[in-house]
Every structure is written in C-alpha cells, then in structure tokens.
Amino acid sequence: MSRTTTMTVRLSGALSDFVAANVSETGSYENVSEYIRDLIRRDKERVELQAFERLKTELQHTFAAPEATYQALSATEITARNEV
C-alpha cells in the first residue's frame, strides 16, 4: 500500500533561485513536487548502486582468493552458521 506524506522544505537565496530556474515554463519540471520526487528517486538509485558496487567488490575479492582458502561446509553447517 502506498502512503503519501506532505513535507515542507524552506529554501532561500541561491537554492531557491536554482529550484525556480528548474521549475518553470523553460525549466525541466512543471512543479516543485515533481522536481523533488525526481531528486529523491535519483538519490535512492545512487544509494542502491553504491550498495551493489560494495557487494560486487566483496564478491570479486572472495572469488579471487586462492582455492586453498576455501572451506567445505555442509548445508547444515551453513544454516547453523547463519542463524547466529
């Protein structure tokens, strides 16, 4: 279920001018809400991409490790280890 939240943001000076320039007939957005939603979506994507890159780096290090460092585990051992 989707929930809508109303938020108030105060901007002044250069930030207010910047938003106004992006929200106008000649700007990229029709209204401030549309602009803010797009910024939030982009930031969410950035955070998700950073998490993915960290995971990818960790997996690359793991798979680059010498095979001799791997330890054979049974499914029961893995399950027990992950329950901690």
PDB file of N, CA and C in Angstrom:
ATOM      1  N   MET A   1       0.843  -1.180   0.000  1.00  0.00           N
ATOM      2  CA  MET A   1       0.000   0.000   0.000  1.00  0.00           C
ATOM      3  C   MET A   1       0.885   1.240   0.000  1.00  0.00           C
ATOM      4  N   SER A   2       0.557   2.155  -0.853  1.00  0.00           N
ATOM      5  CA  SER A   2       1.328   3.386  -0.975  1.00  0.00           C
ATOM      6  C   SER A   2       0.829   4.427   0.010  1.00  0.00           C
ATOM      7  N   ARG A   3       1.751   5.179   0.576  1.00  0.00           N
ATOM      8  CA  ARG A   3       1.409   6.219   1.534  1.00  0.00           C
ATOM      9  C   ARG A   3       1.936   7.544   1.023  1.00  0.00           C
ATOM     10  N   THR A   4       1.137   8.569   1.133  1.00  0.00           N
ATOM     11  CA  THR A   4       1.549   9.901   0.721  1.00  0.00           C
ATOM     12  C   THR A   4       1.857  10.728   1.952  1.00  0.00           C
ATOM     13  N   THR A   5       2.981  11.412   1.916  1.00  0.00           N
ATOM     14  CA  THR A   5       3.394  12.267   3.011  1.00  0.00           C
ATOM     15  C   THR A   5       3.623  13.670   2.474  1.00  0.00           C
ATOM     16  N   THR A   6       3.101  14.646   3.176  1.00  0.00           N
ATOM     17  CA  THR A   6       3.337  16.032   2.812  1.00  0.00           C
ATOM     18  C   THR A   6       4.473  16.559   3.666  1.00  0.00           C
ATOM     19  N   MET A   7       5.436  17.201   3.015  1.00  0.00           N
ATOM     20  CA  MET A   7       6.588  17.747   3.718  1.00  0.00           C
ATOM     21  C   MET A   7       6.757  19.204   3.328  1.00  0.00           C
ATOM     22  N   THR A   8       7.292  19.976   4.241  1.00  0.00           N
ATOM     23  CA  THR A   8       7.574  21.381   3.975  1.00  0.00           C
ATOM     24  C   THR A   8       9.083  21.575   3.983  1.00  0.00           C
ATOM     25  N   VAL A   9       9.574  22.226   2.947  1.00  0.00           N
ATOM     26  CA  VAL A   9      11.008  22.494   2.836  1.00  0.00           C
ATOM     27  C   VAL A   9      11.179  23.988   2.624  1.00  0.00           C
ATOM     28  N   ARG A  10      12.047  24.597   3.392  1.00  0.00           N
ATOM     29  CA  ARG A  10      12.319  26.033   3.244  1.00  0.00           C
ATOM     30  C   ARG A  10      13.639  26.217   2.525  1.00  0.00           C
ATOM     31  N   LEU A  11      13.597  26.990   1.468  1.00  0.00           N
ATOM     32  CA  LEU A  11      14.799  27.310   0.713  1.00  0.00           C
ATOM     33  C   LEU A  11      14.890  28.810   0.563  1.00  0.00           C
ATOM     34  N   SER A  12      16.099  29.303   0.541  1.00  0.00           N
ATOM     35  CA  SER A  12      16.277  30.733   0.313  1.00  0.00           C
ATOM     36  C   SER A  12      17.512  30.945  -0.542  1.00  0.00           C
ATOM     37  N   GLY A  13      17.644  32.135  -1.027  1.00  0.00           N
ATOM     38  CA  GLY A  13      18.839  32.518  -1.766  1.00  0.00           C
ATOM     39  C   GLY A  13      19.091  31.689  -2.993  1.00  0.00           C
ATOM     40  N   ALA A  14      20.332  31.267  -3.121  1.00  0.00           N
ATOM     41  CA  ALA A  14      20.776  30.548  -4.320  1.00  0.00           C
ATOM     42  C   ALA A  14      20.014  29.245  -4.534  1.00  0.00           C
ATOM     43  N   LEU A  15      19.688  28.531  -3.444  1.00  0.00           N
ATOM     44  CA  LEU A  15      18.951  27.279  -3.597  1.00  0.00           C
ATOM     45  C   LEU A  15      17.549  27.527  -4.143  1.00  0.00           C
ATOM     46  N   SER A  16      16.882  28.539  -3.608  1.00  0.00           N
ATOM     47  CA  SER A  16      15.548  28.887  -4.090  1.00  0.00           C
ATOM     48  C   SER A  16      15.592  29.305  -5.555  1.00  0.00           C
ATOM     49  N   ASP A  17      16.575  30.097  -5.920  1.00  0.00           N
ATOM     50  CA  ASP A  17      16.728  30.539  -7.303  1.00  0.00           C
ATOM     51  C   ASP A  17      16.988  29.355  -8.231  1.00  0.00           C
ATOM     52  N   PHE A  18      17.791  28.411  -7.765  1.00  0.00           N
ATOM     53  CA  PHE A  18      18.118  27.239  -8.573  1.00  0.00           C
ATOM     54  C   PHE A  18      16.870  26.404  -8.832  1.00  0.00           C
ATOM     55  N   VAL A  19      16.079  26.177  -7.780  1.00  0.00           N
ATOM     56  CA  VAL A  19      14.847  25.416  -7.941  1.00  0.00           C
ATOM     57  C   VAL A  19      13.904  26.152  -8.886  1.00  0.00           C
ATOM     58  N   ALA A  20      13.759  27.446  -8.704  1.00  0.00           N
ATOM     59  CA  ALA A  20      12.865  28.230  -9.555  1.00  0.00           C
ATOM     60  C   ALA A  20      13.289  28.139 -11.024  1.00  0.00           C
ATOM     61  N   ALA A  21      14.574  28.112 -11.280  1.00  0.00           N
ATOM     62  CA  ALA A  21      15.060  28.014 -12.655  1.00  0.00           C
ATOM     63  C   ALA A  21      14.741  26.658 -13.279  1.00  0.00           C
ATOM     64  N   ASN A  22      14.669  25.617 -12.439  1.00  0.00           N
ATOM     65  CA  ASN A  22      14.368  24.273 -12.932  1.00  0.00           C
ATOM     66  C   ASN A  22      12.879  23.992 -12.990  1.00  0.00           C
ATOM     67  N   VAL A  23      12.087  24.824 -12.323  1.00  0.00           N
ATOM     68  CA  VAL A  23      10.637  24.658 -12.284  1.00  0.00           C
ATOM     69  C   VAL A  23      10.019  25.906 -12.907  1.00  0.00           C
ATOM     70  N   SER A  24       9.812  25.830 -14.193  1.00  0.00           N
ATOM     71  CA  SER A  24       9.234  26.974 -14.902  1.00  0.00           C
ATOM     72  C   SER A  24       8.852  26.508 -16.298  1.00  0.00           C
ATOM     73  N   GLU A  25       8.320  27.412 -17.065  1.00  0.00           N
ATOM     74  CA  GLU A  25       7.973  27.064 -18.444  1.00  0.00           C
ATOM     75  C   GLU A  25       9.196  26.661 -19.246  1.00  0.00           C
ATOM     76  N   THR A  26      10.327  27.235 -18.930  1.00  0.00           N
ATOM     77  CA  THR A  26      11.553  26.902 -19.653  1.00  0.00           C
ATOM     78  C   THR A  26      12.403  25.865 -18.913  1.00  0.00           C
ATOM     79  N   GLY A  27      12.005  25.515 -17.679  1.00  0.00           N
ATOM     80  CA  GLY A  27      12.750  24.539 -16.887  1.00  0.00           C
ATOM     81  C   GLY A  27      12.382  23.112 -17.246  1.00  0.00           C
ATOM     82  N   SER A  28      12.997  22.184 -16.560  1.00  0.00           N
ATOM     83  CA  SER A  28      12.796  20.757 -16.831  1.00  0.00           C
ATOM     84  C   SER A  28      11.578  20.178 -16.130  1.00  0.00           C
ATOM     85  N   TYR A  29      11.033  20.878 -15.157  1.00  0.00           N
ATOM     86  CA  TYR A  29       9.941  20.350 -14.334  1.00  0.00           C
ATOM     87  C   TYR A  29       8.763  21.314 -14.329  1.00  0.00           C
ATOM     88  N   GLU A  30       7.568  20.734 -14.221  1.00  0.00           N
ATOM     89  CA  GLU A  30       6.353  21.556 -14.196  1.00  0.00           C
ATOM     90  C   GLU A  30       6.074  22.155 -12.831  1.00  0.00           C
ATOM     91  N   ASN A  31       6.511  21.442 -11.770  1.00  0.00           N
ATOM     92  CA  ASN A  31       6.272  21.952 -10.416  1.00  0.00           C
ATOM     93  C   ASN A  31       7.358  21.458  -9.472  1.00  0.00           C
ATOM     94  N   VAL A  32       7.406  22.045  -8.299  1.00  0.00           N
ATOM     95  CA  VAL A  32       8.448  21.727  -7.312  1.00  0.00           C
ATOM     96  C   VAL A  32       8.335  20.277  -6.856  1.00  0.00           C
ATOM     97  N   SER A  33       7.122  19.791  -6.650  1.00  0.00           N
ATOM     98  CA  SER A  33       6.948  18.407  -6.193  1.00  0.00           C
ATOM     99  C   SER A  33       7.555  17.412  -7.174  1.00  0.00           C
ATOM    100  N   GLU A  34       7.319  17.634  -8.459  1.00  0.00           N
ATOM    101  CA  GLU A  34       7.882  16.765  -9.490  1.00  0.00           C
ATOM    102  C   GLU A  34       9.417  16.789  -9.421  1.00  0.00           C
ATOM    103  N   TYR A  35       9.975  17.974  -9.243  1.00  0.00           N
ATOM    104  CA  TYR A  35      11.425  18.128  -9.159  1.00  0.00           C
ATOM    105  C   TYR A  35      11.983  17.396  -7.937  1.00  0.00           C
ATOM    106  N   ILE A  36      11.364  17.574  -6.790  1.00  0.00           N
ATOM    107  CA  ILE A  36      11.832  16.929  -5.556  1.00  0.00           C
ATOM    108  C   ILE A  36      11.722  15.410  -5.661  1.00  0.00           C
ATOM    109  N   ARG A  37      10.601  14.910  -6.202  1.00  0.00           N
ATOM    110  CA  ARG A  37      10.453  13.458  -6.365  1.00  0.00           C
ATOM    111  C   ARG A  37      11.563  12.894  -7.246  1.00  0.00           C
ATOM    112  N   ASP A  38      11.898  13.616  -8.332  1.00  0.00           N
ATOM    113  CA  ASP A  38      12.964  13.157  -9.213  1.00  0.00           C
ATOM    114  C   ASP A  38      14.308  13.144  -8.484  1.00  0.00           C
ATOM    115  N   LEU A  39      14.586  14.176  -7.702  1.00  0.00           N
ATOM    116  CA  LEU A  39      15.834  14.215  -6.930  1.00  0.00           C
ATOM    117  C   LEU A  39      15.909  13.050  -5.951  1.00  0.00           C
ATOM    118  N   ILE A  40      14.807  12.762  -5.284  1.00  0.00           N
ATOM    119  CA  ILE A  40      14.785  11.660  -4.316  1.00  0.00           C
ATOM    120  C   ILE A  40      14.989  10.324  -5.026  1.00  0.00           C
ATOM    121  N   ARG A  41      14.320  10.135  -6.164  1.00  0.00           N
ATOM    122  CA  ARG A  41      14.497   8.891  -6.929  1.00  0.00           C
ATOM    123  C   ARG A  41      15.959   8.719  -7.352  1.00  0.00           C
ATOM    124  N   ARG A  42      16.563   9.793  -7.833  1.00  0.00           N
ATOM    125  CA  ARG A  42      17.968   9.717  -8.254  1.00  0.00           C
ATOM    126  C   ARG A  42      18.881   9.401  -7.079  1.00  0.00           C
ATOM    127  N   ASP A  43      18.612   9.996  -5.927  1.00  0.00           N
ATOM    128  CA  ASP A  43      19.437   9.727  -4.742  1.00  0.00           C
ATOM    129  C   ASP A  43      19.252   8.288  -4.289  1.00  0.00           C
ATOM    130  N   LYS A  44      18.026   7.786  -4.343  1.00  0.00           N
ATOM    131  CA  LYS A  44      17.751   6.386  -3.988  1.00  0.00           C
ATOM    132  C   LYS A  44      18.517   5.453  -4.922  1.00  0.00           C
ATOM    133  N   GLU A  45      18.485   5.727  -6.211  1.00  0.00           N
ATOM    134  CA  GLU A  45      19.237   4.923  -7.174  1.00  0.00           C
ATOM    135  C   GLU A  45      20.734   4.973  -6.882  1.00  0.00           C
ATOM    136  N   ARG A  46      21.247   6.146  -6.517  1.00  0.00           N
ATOM    137  CA  ARG A  46      22.663   6.298  -6.195  1.00  0.00           C
ATOM    138  C   ARG A  46      23.045   5.438  -4.996  1.00  0.00           C
ATOM    139  N   VAL A  47      22.220   5.465  -3.959  1.00  0.00           N
ATOM    140  CA  VAL A  47      22.489   4.678  -2.750  1.00  0.00           C
ATOM    141  C   VAL A  47      22.436   3.181  -3.069  1.00  0.00           C
ATOM    142  N   GLU A  48      21.451   2.765  -3.861  1.00  0.00           N
ATOM    143  CA  GLU A  48      21.352   1.358  -4.242  1.00  0.00           C
ATOM    144  C   GLU A  48      22.536   0.922  -5.092  1.00  0.00           C
ATOM    145  N   LEU A  49      22.987   1.790  -5.984  1.00  0.00           N
ATOM    146  CA  LEU A  49      24.146   1.471  -6.814  1.00  0.00           C
ATOM    147  C   LEU A  49      25.407   1.350  -5.969  1.00  0.00           C
ATOM    148  N   GLN A  50      25.569   2.227  -4.982  1.00  0.00           N
ATOM    149  CA  GLN A  50      26.728   2.133  -4.085  1.00  0.00           C
ATOM    150  C   GLN A  50      26.709   0.813  -3.323  1.00  0.00           C
ATOM    151  N   ALA A  51      25.548   0.393  -2.838  1.00  0.00           N
ATOM    152  CA  ALA A  51      25.435  -0.874  -2.111  1.00  0.00           C
ATOM    153  C   ALA A  51      25.775  -2.039  -3.036  1.00  0.00           C
ATOM    154  N   PHE A  52      25.295  -1.981  -4.270  1.00  0.00           N
ATOM    155  CA  PHE A  52      25.602  -3.027  -5.243  1.00  0.00           C
ATOM    156  C   PHE A  52      27.100  -3.079  -5.541  1.00  0.00           C
ATOM    157  N   GLU A  53      27.716  -1.918  -5.712  1.00  0.00           N
ATOM    158  CA  GLU A  53      29.159  -1.871  -6.004  1.00  0.00           C
ATOM    159  C   GLU A  53      29.967  -2.431  -4.840  1.00  0.00           C
ATOM    160  N   ARG A  54      29.561  -2.137  -3.590  1.00  0.00           N
ATOM    161  CA  ARG A  54      30.257  -2.703  -2.424  1.00  0.00           C
ATOM    162  C   ARG A  54      30.144  -4.223  -2.427  1.00  0.00           C
ATOM    163  N   LEU A  55      28.947  -4.731  -2.706  1.00  0.00           N
ATOM    164  CA  LEU A  55      28.738  -6.176  -2.750  1.00  0.00           C
ATOM    165  C   LEU A  55      29.559  -6.801  -3.875  1.00  0.00           C
ATOM    166  N   LYS A  56      29.561  -6.162  -5.033  1.00  0.00           N
ATOM    167  CA  LYS A  56      30.316  -6.669  -6.179  1.00  0.00           C
ATOM    168  C   LYS A  56      31.810  -6.722  -5.854  1.00  0.00           C
ATOM    169  N   THR A  57      32.333  -5.678  -5.204  1.00  0.00           N
ATOM    170  CA  THR A  57      33.739  -5.647  -4.818  1.00  0.00           C
ATOM    171  C   THR A  57      34.054  -6.771  -3.835  1.00  0.00           C
ATOM    172  N   GLU A  58      33.173  -6.966  -2.867  1.00  0.00           N
ATOM    173  CA  GLU A  58      33.380  -8.035  -1.881  1.00  0.00           C
ATOM    174  C   GLU A  58      33.382  -9.402  -2.558  1.00  0.00           C
ATOM    175  N   LEU A  59      32.470  -9.607  -3.492  1.00  0.00           N
ATOM    176  CA  LEU A  59      32.416 -10.893  -4.198  1.00  0.00           C
ATOM    177  C   LEU A  59      33.649 -11.090  -5.078  1.00  0.00           C
ATOM    178  N   GLN A  60      34.122 -10.024  -5.705  1.00  0.00           N
ATOM    179  CA  GLN A  60      35.331 -10.128  -6.534  1.00  0.00           C
ATOM    180  C   GLN A  60      36.530 -10.539  -5.687  1.00  0.00           C
ATOM    181  N   HIS A  61      36.644  -9.964  -4.474  1.00  0.00           N
ATOM    182  CA  HIS A  61      37.737 -10.343  -3.570  1.00  0.00           C
ATOM    183  C   HIS A  61      37.591 -11.798  -3.145  1.00  0.00           C
ATOM    184  N   THR A  62      36.373 -12.195  -2.875  1.00  0.00           N
ATOM    185  CA  THR A  62      36.124 -13.572  -2.438  1.00  0.00           C
ATOM    186  C   THR A  62      36.494 -14.561  -3.530  1.00  0.00           C
ATOM    187  N   PHE A  63      36.036 -14.297  -4.745  1.00  0.00           N
ATOM    188  CA  PHE A  63      36.317 -15.229  -5.831  1.00  0.00           C
ATOM    189  C   PHE A  63      37.771 -15.168  -6.304  1.00  0.00           C
ATOM    190  N   ALA A  64      38.469 -14.112  -5.954  1.00  0.00           N
ATOM    191  CA  ALA A  64      39.878 -14.009  -6.312  1.00  0.00           C
ATOM    192  C   ALA A  64      40.783 -14.728  -5.312  1.00  0.00           C
ATOM    193  N   ALA A  65      40.227 -15.120  -4.178  1.00  0.00           N
ATOM    194  CA  ALA A  65      41.021 -15.798  -3.147  1.00  0.00           C
ATOM    195  C   ALA A  65      41.472 -17.166  -3.665  1.00  0.00           C
ATOM    196  N   PRO A  66      42.644 -17.600  -3.233  1.00  0.00           N
ATOM    197  CA  PRO A  66      43.138 -18.921  -3.648  1.00  0.00           C
ATOM    198  C   PRO A  66      42.170 -20.023  -3.208  1.00  0.00           C
ATOM    199  N   GLU A  67      42.023 -21.010  -4.051  1.00  0.00           N
ATOM    200  CA  GLU A  67      41.082 -22.096  -3.765  1.00  0.00           C
ATOM    201  C   GLU A  67      41.418 -22.802  -2.450  1.00  0.00           C
ATOM    202  N   ALA A  68      42.669 -22.804  -2.078  1.00  0.00           N
ATOM    203  CA  ALA A  68      43.086 -23.474  -0.844  1.00  0.00           C
ATOM    204  C   ALA A  68      42.491 -22.799   0.394  1.00  0.00           C
ATOM    205  N   THR A  69      42.064 -21.553   0.266  1.00  0.00           N
ATOM    206  CA  THR A  69      41.498 -20.856   1.426  1.00  0.00           C
ATOM    207  C   THR A  69      40.019 -21.173   1.634  1.00  0.00           C
ATOM    208  N   TYR A  70      39.414 -21.856   0.671  1.00  0.00           N
ATOM    209  CA  TYR A  70      38.002 -22.214   0.817  1.00  0.00           C
ATOM    210  C   TYR A  70      37.853 -23.379   1.772  1.00  0.00           C
ATOM    211  N   GLN A  71      36.751 -23.391   2.485  1.00  0.00           N
ATOM    212  CA  GLN A  71      36.479 -24.456   3.439  1.00  0.00           C
ATOM    213  C   GLN A  71      35.174 -25.124   3.042  1.00  0.00           C
ATOM    214  N   ALA A  72      35.203 -26.419   2.873  1.00  0.00           N
ATOM    215  CA  ALA A  72      33.995 -27.165   2.511  1.00  0.00           C
ATOM    216  C   ALA A  72      33.044 -27.199   3.707  1.00  0.00           C
ATOM    217  N   LEU A  73      31.790 -26.842   3.466  1.00  0.00           N
ATOM    218  CA  LEU A  73      30.776 -26.864   4.512  1.00  0.00           C
ATOM    219  C   LEU A  73      29.539 -27.575   3.997  1.00  0.00           C
ATOM    220  N   SER A  74      28.873 -28.263   4.900  1.00  0.00           N
ATOM    221  CA  SER A  74      27.609 -28.896   4.529  1.00  0.00           C
ATOM    222  C   SER A  74      26.489 -27.866   4.637  1.00  0.00           C
ATOM    223  N   ALA A  75      25.347 -28.182   4.069  1.00  0.00           N
ATOM    224  CA  ALA A  75      24.191 -27.282   4.155  1.00  0.00           C
ATOM    225  C   ALA A  75      23.807 -27.056   5.618  1.00  0.00           C
ATOM    226  N   THR A  76      23.914 -28.062   6.447  1.00  0.00           N
ATOM    227  CA  THR A  76      23.589 -27.936   7.870  1.00  0.00           C
ATOM    228  C   THR A  76      24.542 -26.970   8.558  1.00  0.00           C
ATOM    229  N   GLU A  77      25.829 -27.048   8.243  1.00  0.00           N
ATOM    230  CA  GLU A  77      26.822 -26.145   8.824  1.00  0.00           C
ATOM    231  C   GLU A  77      26.585 -24.697   8.390  1.00  0.00           C
ATOM    232  N   ILE A  78      26.241 -24.512   7.140  1.00  0.00           N
ATOM    233  CA  ILE A  78      25.963 -23.162   6.643  1.00  0.00           C
ATOM    234  C   ILE A  78      24.749 -22.594   7.317  1.00  0.00           C
ATOM    235  N   THR A  79      23.695 -23.379   7.428  1.00  0.00           N
ATOM    236  CA  THR A  79      22.475 -22.928   8.088  1.00  0.00           C
ATOM    237  C   THR A  79      22.739 -22.566   9.538  1.00  0.00           C
ATOM    238  N   ALA A  80      23.494 -23.413  10.249  1.00  0.00           N
ATOM    239  CA  ALA A  80      23.812 -23.163  11.655  1.00  0.00           C
ATOM    240  C   ALA A  80      24.638 -21.888  11.795  1.00  0.00           C
ATOM    241  N   ARG A  81      25.602 -21.705  10.904  1.00  0.00           N
ATOM    242  CA  ARG A  81      26.452 -20.507  10.954  1.00  0.00           C
ATOM    243  C   ARG A  81      25.635 -19.235  10.727  1.00  0.00           C
ATOM    244  N   ASN A  82      24.673 -19.291   9.845  1.00  0.00           N
ATOM    245  CA  ASN A  82      23.880 -18.112   9.509  1.00  0.00           C
ATOM    246  C   ASN A  82      22.765 -17.821  10.514  1.00  0.00           C
ATOM    247  N   GLU A  83      22.494 -18.735  11.418  1.00  0.00           N
ATOM    248  CA  GLU A  83      21.467 -18.498  12.437  1.00  0.00           C
ATOM    249  C   GLU A  83      21.974 -17.677  13.605  1.00  0.00           C
ATOM    250  N   VAL A  84      23.277 -17.507  13.697  1.00  0.00           N
ATOM    251  CA  VAL A  84      23.870 -16.781  14.807  1.00  0.00           C
ATOM    252  C   VAL A  84      23.577 -15.313  14.700  1.00  0.00           C
TER     253      VAL A  84
END
